[in-house]
Amino acid sequence: MFKKIISSDYIELAIISIFGSLLFFTFKLQIIEGDKYKNIAEKNIFRIQTVYPIRGEIYDRKYRPIVLNKASYNLYIRPGKIKDKEKVIEVICANFEKTKEEIEKIIYENRYRSYQDILLIQNVSYEKMVYISEQLNYYPSLLFKAERVRDYLYPNHFTGHTGRITEEEFKRLNVSGYSPNSFIGKTGLEKYYEQFLRGENGQQILQVDASGHNIEFFKHNLQKTPKNGANLILTIDNDLQKYVNTIFPKNKKGAVVVMNIKTGGILAYLSKPDFDPNIFTSSISTNEWNQIISDPDKPLMDRVIQGTYPPGSVYKPIVASLGLEEKIIDEQTKLTKCEGGMWFGNRYFNCWWEKGHGKLAIVDALKFSCDVYFYDLSTRFTLEQLNRFTSQNYLSSRTNIDLPSERKGFFPSRKWYLENYGKYIDIFGQKVNLGIGQGEILVTPLQICAYYSALGNDGVWKQPHILDKRIEAEHTYENVFEEKHLPISDKTLKMIQTSLYKIVNESYGTGVAASSSTARVFGKTGSAENHMGKETHSWFSGYALADKFAIGFSVFIENGGHGGSVSAPMTRKIVEYYSRIAE
C-alpha cells in the first residue's frame, strides 16, 4: 500500500514537471523569442521556381543554320542580399559599360523582388566572368549563371532580334509566363513568331531555408518539364542570300528580293545597309544605341518592307494593263508621236529619250519605256480609275508577309490632293506624272516583286512569306498562305508578258543587260526621280523561268542611277548564280 502511494505521487510530479517544461518553452518560443523564430519560419518556405524553355532555332530551306543558341555567361543581382549598394554599383560600373543611374534604376524597379535573380549583364566573356567571380565573395548579391543567348550567323533584317523585356511589356505579358529577365522578339521573325519560338515554361517546387538554399525536401514528381520552342525552317536559301550580299554595290542603300513565283516563298531578302543582330545579345550601351539610331543611312530600317519609293517605269505595266482592260488601246493602237516630250497646257513633260521614239504601239512602248506614250495613255483615265486599279494589283496595300511593321505603300486620291495642295491643284498634271510611276505614288520593293512574280505565274498572286514550316518536338506544321488573282484577262496578261520578254531579249530593249543564257528572263527597268534631287533610284523587276526553277525578283538601289545599266546587270548575275544552285 505504501509503495503504491509513493508511486502515484511520483507520477503526478513527473506529469506536472513535463507540463511545466512545455509551458515554459512555449512561453519562451512564442513570447521571449517569438520574433526571432517567426522570422526564420517565414524564410523556410516553399518556392515555385520557373524552368525556362530553350528558344527555338532558325534554319534555311536546306536545314542550314541562320540563328542558333550559344552558351552565355550572364551576371545577375539578388536585391534582398545587397549589403552595401554603393559598393555593388561601383564594381559593376568599373567592369561594364553601365552608368550608376542605370544600375540604380534596375535595383529600384526590382526592390520588391528580394529573392529573385535580376539580370544585369548578358553575354559576358569567359575571361571577364572568371576575373569578376574572384571578387564575388565580397558581393553576395551578385552571381553568374551559364545560360543561352542568340547567335545570328550573318547580318540581316528578316530574322530580327530579341531584347530584354521592358517594364511596359512585362506588365502586359507577365500573365503569359514572362519574367522581368525574359528576352522576347523585338523585330522580324523573332517578333512575328514569338509565340512559337519561346516555348512553354516548366516549374519546379523547392523548399528553401533562411539562406535561400534548396534543402531538397521534395525528391520526386514535383516538377513540370518545359516545352522547348519550335524550330523554324525558312524558305530562305543561305547560298543565294550570301551571294546577293556580295554583289550589292558597296556603300549603297537599297533592297533585293528573290521569291519562288509558284509558292511565294522568299529565297533571298536583302536590305542595305544592314546590321549585325548580335549587337543586341549583349548589354548595348546608351552611346552605342544613340550612334545606331542617329546614323543617317538608317541601318535598322528594313527597306524591303518599310522603304517606300516612287516606282518609276516598273509601274508602266499597270497603266498598260488598265488601258487594255478598258479597251482604250489594243495591241495595234498607236498614241501621240514621241518627239522627246509632250505639252500639257503650259507644262512640258520630257521623255527620258530626248530624240524621241516616234509613234508606238503598247508592246514597243513598254520595250523602249517611252514616257510620252504613258503620259498620253494616263489622260484617258480618271484619277480614281488609276487609284482603284493600282490597289487591285496589290501595289497600295500590304502583302501581309510574315514580318511585323510592313508599310502599305501609297497612291493619291483626288480628296488627298485637295486636302494637301488646296483646291487649285492641277490634278490633270499630277495624273500625267503618276502615269510613269512618278509623283506621290510610293511602293515597297516587296510589293513590286510580288506583282511581277504574279505576272510570271500566269496572273496568280502568291502571298510572300519567309516561313516554310515549323517543327515542334516530333511534329511538323506547314503554313498555308493566301492566293489571289490579278484583275486582268489572259489576253492582256500574254501581251504584258511578251513586252517584258522583249525588254530583256530584243535589241534596244531597256533591260538587255539582264539577258541570260541560263534562263528566260522577263523584266522591266525603272529610273525613278526622287524629291531629294539626287541621282535617280535604280529599279529592275521581273521573273526568270527555267526547267528547274521559276523565280521573281526586285532589285532596287537608292540613287543608283539607271535601272538598265545598274540593276539589270546585277539581276543577270543573280539569275545565273541561282541556275547553278537550284535543285
Protein backbone atom coordinates (compact mmCIF):
# COMPACT_ATOMS: atom_id res chain seq x y z
CA MET A 1 0.00 0.00 0.00
CA PHE A 2 2.82 2.40 0.94
CA LYS A 3 4.70 1.63 -2.28
CA LYS A 4 1.58 2.27 -4.34
CA ILE A 5 1.05 5.77 -2.79
CA ILE A 6 4.68 6.76 -3.43
CA SER A 7 4.43 5.58 -7.00
CA SER A 8 1.24 7.62 -7.59
CA ASP A 9 2.79 10.79 -6.16
CA TYR A 10 5.84 10.32 -8.31
CA ILE A 11 3.76 10.05 -11.43
CA GLU A 12 1.86 13.23 -10.59
CA LEU A 13 5.09 15.14 -10.01
CA ALA A 14 6.51 13.87 -13.26
CA ILE A 15 3.42 14.97 -15.17
CA ILE A 16 3.46 18.40 -13.54
CA SER A 17 7.16 18.77 -14.39
CA ILE A 18 6.60 17.82 -18.03
CA PHE A 19 3.71 20.23 -18.48
CA GLY A 20 5.63 22.92 -16.65
CA SER A 21 8.55 22.49 -19.02
CA LEU A 22 6.23 22.59 -22.03
CA LEU A 23 4.59 25.76 -20.79
CA PHE A 24 7.95 27.37 -20.13
CA PHE A 25 9.37 26.53 -23.59
CA THR A 26 6.12 27.53 -25.24
CA PHE A 27 6.27 30.88 -23.46
CA LYS A 28 9.93 31.26 -24.44
CA LEU A 29 9.32 30.39 -28.10
CA GLN A 30 6.20 32.48 -28.51
CA ILE A 31 6.85 35.47 -26.24
CA ILE A 32 10.54 35.81 -25.43
CA GLU A 33 12.00 34.65 -28.78
CA GLY A 34 8.84 34.79 -30.88
CA ASP A 35 10.03 37.39 -33.36
CA LYS A 36 13.28 35.51 -33.94
CA TYR A 37 11.65 32.18 -34.80
CA LYS A 38 8.82 33.81 -36.70
CA ASN A 39 11.39 35.42 -38.98
CA ILE A 40 13.19 32.11 -39.53
CA ALA A 41 9.96 30.25 -40.19
CA GLU A 42 8.89 32.79 -42.79
CA LYS A 43 12.15 32.25 -44.62
CA ASN A 44 11.84 28.47 -44.63
CA ILE A 45 9.23 28.41 -47.37
CA PHE A 46 8.13 26.53 -50.39
CA ARG A 47 9.18 28.27 -53.57
CA ILE A 48 7.93 27.60 -57.10
CA GLN A 49 10.84 28.05 -59.44
CA THR A 50 10.16 28.63 -63.13
CA VAL A 51 12.17 26.49 -65.51
CA TYR A 52 12.54 28.30 -68.80
CA PRO A 53 12.48 26.51 -72.17
CA ILE A 54 15.14 26.71 -74.87
CA ARG A 55 14.18 29.16 -77.57
CA GLY A 56 13.62 27.62 -81.00
CA GLU A 57 16.34 27.98 -83.63
CA ILE A 58 16.02 29.16 -87.23
CA TYR A 59 17.24 27.33 -90.36
CA ASP A 60 17.18 27.90 -94.11
CA ARG A 61 15.28 25.81 -96.65
CA LYS A 62 18.06 23.19 -96.69
CA TYR A 63 18.18 22.98 -92.88
CA ARG A 64 21.35 25.05 -92.62
CA PRO A 65 21.52 27.32 -89.55
CA ILE A 66 20.69 31.00 -89.57
CA VAL A 67 20.02 31.60 -85.86
CA LEU A 68 21.33 29.30 -83.12
CA ASN A 69 21.60 29.39 -79.34
CA LYS A 70 25.06 29.57 -77.79
CA ALA A 71 26.40 29.47 -74.25
CA SER A 72 26.36 32.78 -72.41
CA TYR A 73 27.59 33.90 -69.01
CA ASN A 74 25.09 36.33 -67.52
CA LEU A 75 25.51 38.48 -64.41
CA TYR A 76 22.54 38.67 -62.02
CA ILE A 77 21.78 40.58 -58.85
CA ARG A 78 19.61 39.45 -55.94
CA PRO A 79 18.20 42.65 -54.37
CA GLY A 80 17.47 41.05 -50.99
CA LYS A 81 21.16 40.24 -50.48
CA ILE A 82 22.58 43.68 -51.17
CA LYS A 83 24.63 44.79 -48.15
CA ASP A 84 26.33 47.90 -49.49
CA LYS A 85 24.52 49.25 -52.55
CA GLU A 86 27.16 51.85 -53.37
CA LYS A 87 29.99 49.30 -53.46
CA VAL A 88 27.94 46.89 -55.57
CA ILE A 89 27.18 49.62 -58.09
CA GLU A 90 30.82 50.68 -58.09
CA VAL A 91 32.14 47.22 -59.01
CA ILE A 92 29.55 46.79 -61.77
CA CYS A 93 30.31 50.17 -63.34
CA ALA A 94 34.05 49.53 -63.11
CA ASN A 95 33.79 46.35 -65.17
CA PHE A 96 30.94 47.06 -67.59
CA GLU A 97 29.70 49.94 -69.70
CA LYS A 98 26.89 50.76 -67.33
CA THR A 99 26.21 54.05 -65.62
CA LYS A 100 25.44 54.42 -61.95
CA GLU A 101 21.98 55.71 -62.85
CA GLU A 102 21.22 52.63 -64.98
CA ILE A 103 22.13 50.21 -62.15
CA GLU A 104 20.25 52.23 -59.54
CA LYS A 105 17.17 52.17 -61.75
CA ILE A 106 17.32 48.36 -62.10
CA ILE A 107 17.69 47.91 -58.35
CA TYR A 108 14.87 50.35 -57.59
CA GLU A 109 12.46 48.80 -60.10
CA ASN A 110 13.07 45.35 -58.57
CA ARG A 111 13.14 46.38 -54.91
CA TYR A 112 10.15 44.15 -54.10
CA ARG A 113 11.69 41.08 -55.77
CA SER A 114 14.06 40.44 -52.87
CA TYR A 115 14.82 36.80 -53.62
CA GLN A 116 14.56 36.87 -57.40
CA ASP A 117 17.66 36.94 -59.55
CA ILE A 118 17.52 40.03 -61.75
CA LEU A 119 19.54 40.09 -64.97
CA LEU A 120 22.15 42.85 -65.13
CA ILE A 121 24.61 41.98 -67.89
CA GLN A 122 24.22 39.41 -70.66
CA ASN A 123 26.86 37.61 -72.70
CA VAL A 124 29.88 38.29 -70.50
CA SER A 125 33.14 36.90 -71.87
CA TYR A 126 34.60 33.87 -70.12
CA GLU A 127 37.75 35.75 -69.15
CA LYS A 128 35.82 38.61 -67.57
CA MET A 129 33.48 36.19 -65.82
CA VAL A 130 36.44 34.39 -64.20
CA TYR A 131 38.07 37.68 -63.20
CA ILE A 132 34.92 39.08 -61.58
CA SER A 133 33.99 35.77 -59.94
CA GLU A 134 37.13 36.03 -57.80
CA GLN A 135 35.63 39.12 -56.17
CA LEU A 136 32.10 37.85 -55.60
CA ASN A 137 32.81 36.66 -52.05
CA TYR A 138 32.64 40.35 -51.12
CA TYR A 139 29.40 40.86 -53.07
CA PRO A 140 26.92 38.08 -52.15
CA SER A 141 24.15 39.81 -54.09
CA LEU A 142 25.95 39.19 -57.41
CA LEU A 143 26.13 35.86 -59.19
CA PHE A 144 26.84 34.44 -62.65
CA LYS A 145 24.67 31.94 -64.48
CA ALA A 146 25.60 29.89 -67.54
CA GLU A 147 22.67 30.28 -69.94
CA ARG A 148 21.94 30.59 -73.66
CA VAL A 149 21.93 33.59 -75.93
CA ARG A 150 21.02 34.08 -79.61
CA ASP A 151 23.76 33.72 -82.20
CA TYR A 152 22.88 35.28 -85.58
CA LEU A 153 25.17 33.76 -88.18
CA TYR A 154 25.06 36.65 -90.67
CA PRO A 155 23.77 40.24 -90.78
CA ASN A 156 20.18 40.57 -91.97
CA HIS A 157 16.84 42.20 -91.24
CA PHE A 158 14.39 39.35 -91.69
CA THR A 159 15.29 37.33 -88.59
CA GLY A 160 15.01 40.41 -86.42
CA HIS A 161 16.44 40.15 -82.91
CA THR A 162 15.45 39.54 -79.32
CA GLY A 163 15.80 42.02 -76.49
CA ARG A 164 15.23 42.36 -72.76
CA ILE A 165 11.57 42.71 -71.87
CA THR A 166 10.63 46.27 -70.91
CA GLU A 167 8.62 47.22 -67.85
CA GLU A 168 5.60 48.01 -70.01
CA GLU A 169 5.89 44.69 -71.88
CA PHE A 170 6.23 42.79 -68.60
CA LYS A 171 3.07 44.35 -67.17
CA ARG A 172 1.21 43.21 -70.28
CA LEU A 173 2.81 39.77 -70.67
CA ASN A 174 3.55 38.52 -67.16
CA VAL A 175 0.26 36.58 -67.18
CA SER A 176 1.70 34.62 -70.12
CA GLY A 177 4.66 33.39 -68.09
CA TYR A 178 7.25 36.07 -68.85
CA SER A 179 9.61 37.19 -66.11
CA PRO A 180 11.45 40.50 -65.57
CA ASN A 181 14.53 38.74 -67.04
CA SER A 182 12.81 37.44 -70.17
CA PHE A 183 14.11 38.15 -73.64
CA ILE A 184 11.42 38.45 -76.30
CA GLY A 185 11.32 39.00 -80.04
CA LYS A 186 11.59 42.70 -80.81
CA THR A 187 11.65 42.73 -84.62
CA GLY A 188 11.46 40.44 -87.65
CA LEU A 189 10.68 36.75 -87.39
CA GLU A 190 11.72 36.76 -83.74
CA LYS A 191 8.76 39.03 -83.01
CA TYR A 192 6.26 37.68 -85.54
CA TYR A 193 6.66 34.05 -84.41
CA GLU A 194 7.38 34.79 -80.74
CA GLN A 195 4.59 32.51 -79.51
CA PHE A 196 6.16 29.51 -81.27
CA LEU A 197 9.83 30.31 -80.69
CA ARG A 198 9.60 30.90 -76.94
CA GLY A 199 8.08 27.54 -75.98
CA GLU A 200 6.29 26.94 -72.66
CA ASN A 201 7.67 27.37 -69.14
CA GLY A 202 8.16 24.46 -66.77
CA GLN A 203 8.10 24.53 -62.96
CA GLN A 204 9.99 23.05 -60.05
CA ILE A 205 8.81 23.18 -56.43
CA LEU A 206 11.61 23.80 -53.92
CA GLN A 207 11.74 24.14 -50.14
CA VAL A 208 14.40 26.67 -49.22
CA ASP A 209 15.95 27.61 -45.91
CA ALA A 210 16.51 31.05 -44.45
CA SER A 211 19.52 31.49 -46.73
CA GLY A 212 17.54 30.66 -49.84
CA HIS A 213 19.24 27.29 -50.35
CA ASN A 214 17.28 24.31 -51.59
CA ILE A 215 17.01 21.80 -48.73
CA GLU A 216 15.85 19.14 -51.22
CA PHE A 217 12.81 18.12 -49.21
CA PHE A 218 10.94 17.02 -52.32
CA LYS A 219 12.56 14.21 -54.24
CA HIS A 220 10.06 13.04 -56.82
CA ASN A 221 7.48 14.22 -59.37
CA LEU A 222 7.19 17.84 -58.26
CA GLN A 223 8.27 19.46 -61.46
CA LYS A 224 6.83 20.23 -64.87
CA THR A 225 9.25 19.87 -67.75
CA PRO A 226 9.40 22.95 -70.00
CA LYS A 227 8.36 22.66 -73.64
CA ASN A 228 11.14 23.98 -75.83
CA GLY A 229 10.37 26.45 -78.60
CA ALA A 230 9.68 25.38 -82.18
CA ASN A 231 12.45 25.40 -84.77
CA LEU A 232 11.62 27.46 -87.85
CA ILE A 233 12.52 26.20 -91.33
CA LEU A 234 12.54 29.14 -93.72
CA THR A 235 12.21 29.48 -97.48
CA ILE A 236 15.49 31.46 -97.49
CA ASP A 237 18.42 29.94 -99.37
CA ASN A 238 21.61 30.77 -97.46
CA ASP A 239 23.81 30.43 -100.53
CA LEU A 240 21.71 32.83 -102.60
CA GLN A 241 21.35 35.22 -99.67
CA LYS A 242 25.12 35.42 -99.20
CA TYR A 243 25.76 35.76 -102.92
CA VAL A 244 23.34 38.66 -103.31
CA ASN A 245 25.06 40.33 -100.38
CA THR A 246 28.48 40.06 -102.06
CA ILE A 247 27.37 41.63 -105.37
CA PHE A 248 25.35 44.51 -103.93
CA PRO A 249 27.19 47.79 -104.70
CA LYS A 250 29.42 48.90 -101.83
CA ASN A 251 28.29 51.91 -99.79
CA LYS A 252 24.89 51.96 -101.49
CA LYS A 253 21.44 51.72 -99.94
CA GLY A 254 18.65 49.56 -101.34
CA ALA A 255 16.96 46.20 -101.35
CA VAL A 256 16.86 42.89 -103.22
CA VAL A 257 14.07 40.32 -103.06
CA VAL A 258 14.01 36.96 -104.83
CA MET A 259 10.97 34.70 -104.48
CA ASN A 260 9.57 31.44 -105.79
CA ILE A 261 6.69 32.58 -108.00
CA LYS A 262 4.84 29.26 -107.60
CA THR A 263 4.75 29.33 -103.80
CA GLY A 264 5.51 32.90 -102.70
CA GLY A 265 8.45 31.66 -100.63
CA ILE A 266 11.23 34.25 -100.28
CA LEU A 267 14.62 32.87 -101.36
CA ALA A 268 16.72 35.97 -100.73
CA TYR A 269 15.89 39.04 -98.67
CA LEU A 270 18.47 41.81 -98.54
CA SER A 271 18.18 45.33 -97.16
CA LYS A 272 21.19 47.64 -97.26
CA PRO A 273 22.80 48.91 -95.20
CA ASP A 274 22.29 46.01 -92.84
CA PHE A 275 23.37 45.44 -89.25
CA ASP A 276 24.55 42.59 -87.10
CA PRO A 277 21.69 41.45 -84.81
CA ASN A 278 24.29 40.12 -82.37
CA ILE A 279 24.80 43.67 -81.06
CA PHE A 280 21.57 43.15 -79.14
CA THR A 281 22.68 39.91 -77.47
CA SER A 282 24.89 41.79 -75.02
CA SER A 283 24.11 44.86 -72.97
CA ILE A 284 24.30 47.59 -75.58
CA SER A 285 25.34 50.92 -74.09
CA THR A 286 23.36 54.12 -74.45
CA ASN A 287 26.14 55.63 -76.58
CA GLU A 288 26.14 52.63 -78.96
CA TRP A 289 22.40 52.79 -79.30
CA ASN A 290 22.42 56.51 -79.99
CA GLN A 291 25.06 56.04 -82.70
CA ILE A 292 22.89 53.44 -84.44
CA ILE A 293 19.63 55.38 -84.39
CA SER A 294 21.33 58.64 -85.42
CA ASP A 295 23.11 57.06 -88.41
CA PRO A 296 21.81 58.96 -91.49
CA ASP A 297 21.87 55.72 -93.54
CA LYS A 298 19.31 54.17 -91.14
CA PRO A 299 20.75 50.63 -90.95
CA LEU A 300 17.87 49.42 -88.75
CA MET A 301 15.32 50.28 -91.44
CA ASP A 302 14.16 47.24 -93.42
CA ARG A 303 13.96 48.70 -96.93
CA VAL A 304 12.31 45.57 -98.34
CA ILE A 305 9.04 46.21 -96.49
CA GLN A 306 9.47 49.59 -94.80
CA GLY A 307 11.13 51.61 -97.57
CA THR A 308 8.55 53.25 -99.84
CA TYR A 309 9.74 54.75 -103.12
CA PRO A 310 8.39 56.01 -106.44
CA PRO A 311 8.43 53.00 -108.77
CA GLY A 312 9.25 54.87 -111.96
CA SER A 313 8.87 52.82 -115.12
CA VAL A 314 8.35 49.49 -113.34
CA TYR A 315 4.83 50.87 -112.79
CA LYS A 316 4.11 51.20 -116.53
CA PRO A 317 2.73 47.63 -116.97
CA ILE A 318 -0.07 48.63 -114.56
CA VAL A 319 -1.06 51.58 -116.77
CA ALA A 320 -0.74 49.42 -119.90
CA SER A 321 -2.94 46.70 -118.37
CA LEU A 322 -5.61 49.22 -117.42
CA GLY A 323 -5.64 50.63 -120.96
CA LEU A 324 -6.02 47.12 -122.42
CA GLU A 325 -8.71 46.06 -119.94
CA GLU A 326 -10.74 49.24 -120.53
CA LYS A 327 -10.42 48.73 -124.31
CA ILE A 328 -8.86 52.18 -124.66
CA ILE A 329 -5.97 50.56 -126.54
CA ASP A 330 -5.24 47.23 -128.14
CA GLU A 331 -2.01 45.66 -129.40
CA GLN A 332 -2.06 47.90 -132.53
CA THR A 333 -3.12 51.24 -131.06
CA LYS A 334 -0.56 53.99 -131.54
CA LEU A 335 -0.80 57.14 -129.49
CA THR A 336 0.86 60.56 -129.73
CA LYS A 337 4.16 60.58 -131.59
CA CYS A 338 7.10 60.86 -129.22
CA GLU A 339 9.44 63.67 -130.19
CA GLY A 340 11.28 63.81 -126.90
CA GLY A 341 8.43 65.12 -124.80
CA MET A 342 4.83 66.31 -124.72
CA TRP A 343 3.00 69.54 -123.83
CA PHE A 344 0.09 69.54 -121.39
CA GLY A 345 -1.24 73.06 -121.06
CA ASN A 346 1.71 75.30 -120.35
CA ARG A 347 3.89 72.50 -118.97
CA TYR A 348 6.28 70.34 -121.00
CA PHE A 349 6.85 66.75 -119.87
CA ASN A 350 10.12 65.24 -121.10
CA CYS A 351 10.62 61.70 -122.31
CA TRP A 352 13.76 60.02 -120.99
CA TRP A 353 14.93 59.67 -124.65
CA GLU A 354 15.30 63.23 -125.81
CA LYS A 355 15.49 62.26 -129.51
CA GLY A 356 12.05 60.68 -129.28
CA HIS A 357 10.69 57.20 -130.00
CA GLY A 358 8.17 58.10 -132.75
CA LYS A 359 4.69 56.54 -132.86
CA LEU A 360 4.49 53.26 -130.94
CA ALA A 361 2.00 50.54 -130.05
CA ILE A 362 1.86 49.17 -126.50
CA VAL A 363 4.41 46.33 -126.76
CA ASP A 364 7.13 48.59 -128.16
CA ALA A 365 6.13 51.41 -125.82
CA LEU A 366 6.98 49.08 -122.92
CA LYS A 367 10.06 47.71 -124.67
CA PHE A 368 11.55 51.19 -125.11
CA SER A 369 9.88 52.53 -121.94
CA CYS A 370 8.54 55.56 -123.83
CA ASP A 371 7.31 58.16 -121.34
CA VAL A 372 5.24 60.07 -123.91
CA TYR A 373 3.11 57.01 -124.66
CA PHE A 374 2.22 56.64 -120.97
CA TYR A 375 1.71 60.37 -120.48
CA ASP A 376 -0.90 60.23 -123.21
CA LEU A 377 -2.44 56.98 -122.03
CA SER A 378 -2.81 58.26 -118.45
CA THR A 379 -5.01 61.13 -119.68
CA ARG A 380 -7.59 58.59 -120.86
CA PHE A 381 -8.38 57.54 -117.26
CA THR A 382 -9.76 59.30 -114.23
CA LEU A 383 -7.53 59.51 -111.18
CA GLU A 384 -9.97 57.23 -109.35
CA GLN A 385 -9.58 54.58 -112.08
CA LEU A 386 -5.80 54.59 -111.67
CA ASN A 387 -6.11 54.55 -107.90
CA ARG A 388 -8.53 51.63 -107.88
CA PHE A 389 -6.64 49.54 -110.45
CA THR A 390 -3.36 50.05 -108.62
CA SER A 391 -4.99 48.77 -105.45
CA GLN A 392 -6.50 45.79 -107.30
CA ASN A 393 -2.97 44.81 -108.36
CA TYR A 394 -1.89 44.91 -104.68
CA LEU A 395 0.55 47.83 -105.06
CA SER A 396 -1.00 50.12 -102.44
CA SER A 397 -1.73 47.53 -99.78
CA ARG A 398 0.39 45.35 -97.55
CA THR A 399 1.43 41.97 -98.89
CA ASN A 400 0.94 40.58 -95.36
CA ILE A 401 4.30 38.87 -95.41
CA ASP A 402 5.01 37.11 -92.12
CA LEU A 403 7.01 40.03 -90.72
CA PRO A 404 5.90 42.89 -88.47
CA SER A 405 5.84 46.60 -89.37
CA GLU A 406 5.26 46.26 -93.12
CA ARG A 407 4.24 49.52 -94.82
CA LYS A 408 1.43 49.50 -97.35
CA GLY A 409 2.61 51.96 -99.99
CA PHE A 410 0.52 54.86 -101.30
CA PHE A 411 -1.45 56.08 -104.30
CA PRO A 412 -3.04 59.55 -104.03
CA SER A 413 -6.75 60.20 -104.46
CA ARG A 414 -8.46 63.39 -105.59
CA LYS A 415 -9.50 64.05 -102.00
CA TRP A 416 -5.90 63.67 -100.84
CA TYR A 417 -4.66 66.22 -103.40
CA LEU A 418 -7.31 68.76 -102.40
CA GLU A 419 -6.58 68.32 -98.69
CA ASN A 420 -2.82 68.56 -99.10
CA TYR A 421 -2.36 71.01 -102.00
CA GLY A 422 -5.54 73.06 -101.97
CA LYS A 423 -8.44 73.41 -104.38
CA TYR A 424 -6.31 74.95 -107.13
CA ILE A 425 -4.09 71.91 -107.56
CA ASP A 426 -3.64 70.79 -111.19
CA ILE A 427 -4.81 67.21 -110.78
CA PHE A 428 -4.54 66.63 -114.54
CA GLY A 429 -0.80 67.36 -114.43
CA GLN A 430 -0.35 65.20 -111.34
CA LYS A 431 -2.10 62.31 -113.08
CA VAL A 432 0.24 62.57 -116.08
CA ASN A 433 3.20 62.26 -113.75
CA LEU A 434 1.64 59.29 -111.97
CA GLY A 435 1.27 57.56 -115.35
CA ILE A 436 5.02 56.92 -115.48
CA GLY A 437 5.33 55.96 -111.80
CA GLN A 438 6.45 59.39 -110.57
CA GLY A 439 4.94 61.91 -108.22
CA GLU A 440 3.30 60.86 -104.98
CA ILE A 441 2.93 57.14 -105.75
CA LEU A 442 5.01 55.00 -103.37
CA VAL A 443 5.67 51.26 -103.31
CA THR A 444 7.92 48.86 -101.43
CA PRO A 445 10.41 46.57 -103.22
CA LEU A 446 8.44 43.58 -101.92
CA GLN A 447 5.15 44.80 -103.43
CA ILE A 448 6.81 45.21 -106.83
CA CYS A 449 8.43 41.77 -106.57
CA ALA A 450 5.07 40.13 -105.70
CA TYR A 451 3.37 41.88 -108.65
CA TYR A 452 5.96 40.80 -111.22
CA SER A 453 6.00 37.29 -109.75
CA ALA A 454 2.25 37.13 -110.33
CA LEU A 455 2.77 38.17 -113.95
CA GLY A 456 5.18 35.25 -114.30
CA ASN A 457 2.76 32.89 -112.54
CA ASP A 458 0.01 33.39 -115.13
CA GLY A 459 -1.67 36.10 -113.08
CA VAL A 460 -1.80 34.18 -109.79
CA TRP A 461 -0.57 36.38 -106.93
CA LYS A 462 1.01 34.41 -104.10
CA GLN A 463 1.34 35.87 -100.63
CA PRO A 464 5.05 36.40 -99.96
CA HIS A 465 6.31 34.54 -96.91
CA ILE A 466 9.55 33.51 -95.22
CA LEU A 467 8.47 30.62 -93.01
CA ASP A 468 8.14 27.27 -94.75
CA LYS A 469 7.41 25.07 -91.74
CA ARG A 470 7.92 24.85 -88.02
CA ILE A 471 8.99 21.80 -86.08
CA GLU A 472 7.68 21.27 -82.54
CA ALA A 473 9.01 18.19 -80.78
CA GLU A 474 8.22 15.40 -83.25
CA HIS A 475 5.54 17.29 -85.16
CA THR A 476 5.94 19.38 -88.31
CA TYR A 477 3.46 22.14 -89.17
CA GLU A 478 3.28 23.70 -92.61
CA ASN A 479 1.79 27.15 -93.12
CA VAL A 480 -0.91 27.98 -95.66
CA PHE A 481 -0.70 31.35 -97.39
CA GLU A 482 -3.14 33.43 -99.40
CA GLU A 483 -3.55 33.21 -103.16
CA LYS A 484 -5.22 35.90 -105.29
CA HIS A 485 -5.51 36.84 -108.96
CA LEU A 486 -4.51 39.94 -110.87
CA PRO A 487 -7.57 41.73 -112.34
CA ILE A 488 -6.61 41.16 -115.97
CA SER A 489 -7.67 38.83 -118.79
CA ASP A 490 -5.45 36.14 -120.28
CA LYS A 491 -5.11 38.23 -123.43
CA THR A 492 -3.83 41.25 -121.50
CA LEU A 493 -1.52 39.06 -119.45
CA LYS A 494 0.04 37.49 -122.55
CA MET A 495 0.63 40.91 -124.07
CA ILE A 496 2.35 42.19 -120.92
CA GLN A 497 4.46 39.00 -120.72
CA THR A 498 5.50 39.43 -124.36
CA SER A 499 6.53 43.02 -123.67
CA LEU A 500 8.59 42.03 -120.64
CA TYR A 501 10.39 39.38 -122.68
CA LYS A 502 11.23 41.83 -125.48
CA ILE A 503 12.51 44.40 -122.97
CA VAL A 504 15.24 41.93 -121.97
CA ASN A 505 15.84 39.83 -125.03
CA GLU A 506 15.49 42.08 -128.10
CA SER A 507 17.84 44.74 -129.44
CA TYR A 508 17.37 48.18 -127.91
CA GLY A 509 15.19 46.86 -125.12
CA THR A 510 15.95 48.83 -121.94
CA GLY A 511 16.68 45.63 -119.97
CA VAL A 512 19.02 43.74 -122.31
CA ALA A 513 21.74 43.77 -119.64
CA ALA A 514 19.63 41.26 -117.68
CA SER A 515 19.51 38.72 -120.52
CA SER A 516 20.91 35.31 -119.64
CA SER A 517 21.64 32.05 -121.43
CA THR A 518 20.69 30.02 -118.34
CA ALA A 519 17.01 31.05 -118.14
CA ARG A 520 14.36 33.05 -119.95
CA VAL A 521 14.36 36.43 -118.23
CA PHE A 522 11.40 38.82 -118.33
CA GLY A 523 11.54 42.23 -116.72
CA LYS A 524 11.18 45.98 -116.65
CA THR A 525 13.69 48.70 -115.90
CA GLY A 526 12.95 51.79 -113.84
CA SER A 527 14.84 55.01 -113.16
CA ALA A 528 12.79 56.92 -110.61
CA GLU A 529 13.40 60.54 -109.75
CA ASN A 530 13.20 61.43 -106.09
CA HIS A 531 12.34 64.55 -104.14
CA MET A 532 15.87 64.80 -102.71
CA GLY A 533 17.16 65.85 -106.12
CA LYS A 534 19.90 63.23 -106.10
CA GLU A 535 20.61 60.65 -108.78
CA THR A 536 17.64 58.53 -109.80
CA HIS A 537 16.67 55.38 -107.97
CA SER A 538 17.58 52.28 -109.97
CA TRP A 539 14.97 49.51 -110.44
CA PHE A 540 14.83 46.21 -112.25
CA SER A 541 11.92 43.87 -111.58
CA GLY A 542 10.66 40.77 -113.32
CA TYR A 543 10.92 36.99 -113.32
CA ALA A 544 13.00 34.16 -114.77
CA LEU A 545 11.82 30.75 -115.98
CA ALA A 546 13.91 27.59 -116.35
CA ASP A 547 13.38 23.84 -116.17
CA LYS A 548 14.43 23.73 -112.50
CA PHE A 549 13.01 26.99 -111.18
CA ALA A 550 10.67 29.93 -111.61
CA ILE A 551 11.68 32.99 -109.63
CA GLY A 552 10.55 36.59 -109.34
CA PHE A 553 12.85 39.41 -108.30
CA SER A 554 13.09 43.06 -107.48
CA VAL A 555 16.46 44.81 -107.44
CA PHE A 556 16.37 48.34 -106.09
CA ILE A 557 19.29 50.69 -105.44
CA GLU A 558 18.69 54.10 -103.90
CA ASN A 559 20.20 56.86 -106.01
CA GLY A 560 21.85 54.12 -108.01
CA GLY A 561 21.38 55.55 -111.50
CA HIS A 562 19.63 53.98 -114.48
CA GLY A 563 17.85 50.68 -113.99
CA GLY A 564 19.10 49.30 -117.30
CA SER A 565 22.76 49.92 -116.55
CA VAL A 566 22.89 49.24 -112.78
CA SER A 567 20.09 46.95 -111.53
CA ALA A 568 19.65 44.89 -114.73
CA PRO A 569 23.26 43.55 -114.83
CA MET A 570 23.00 42.67 -111.14
CA THR A 571 19.81 40.75 -111.87
CA ARG A 572 21.56 38.72 -114.57
CA LYS A 573 24.22 37.68 -112.04
CA ILE A 574 21.53 36.58 -109.59
CA VAL A 575 19.70 34.51 -112.21
CA GLU A 576 22.88 32.82 -113.42
CA TYR A 577 24.06 32.07 -109.90
CA TYR A 578 20.69 30.58 -108.95
CA SER A 579 20.76 28.49 -112.13
CA ARG A 580 23.85 26.76 -110.73
CA ILE A 581 22.47 26.01 -107.27
CA ALA A 582 18.76 25.38 -107.95
CA GLU A 583 17.55 21.84 -107.34
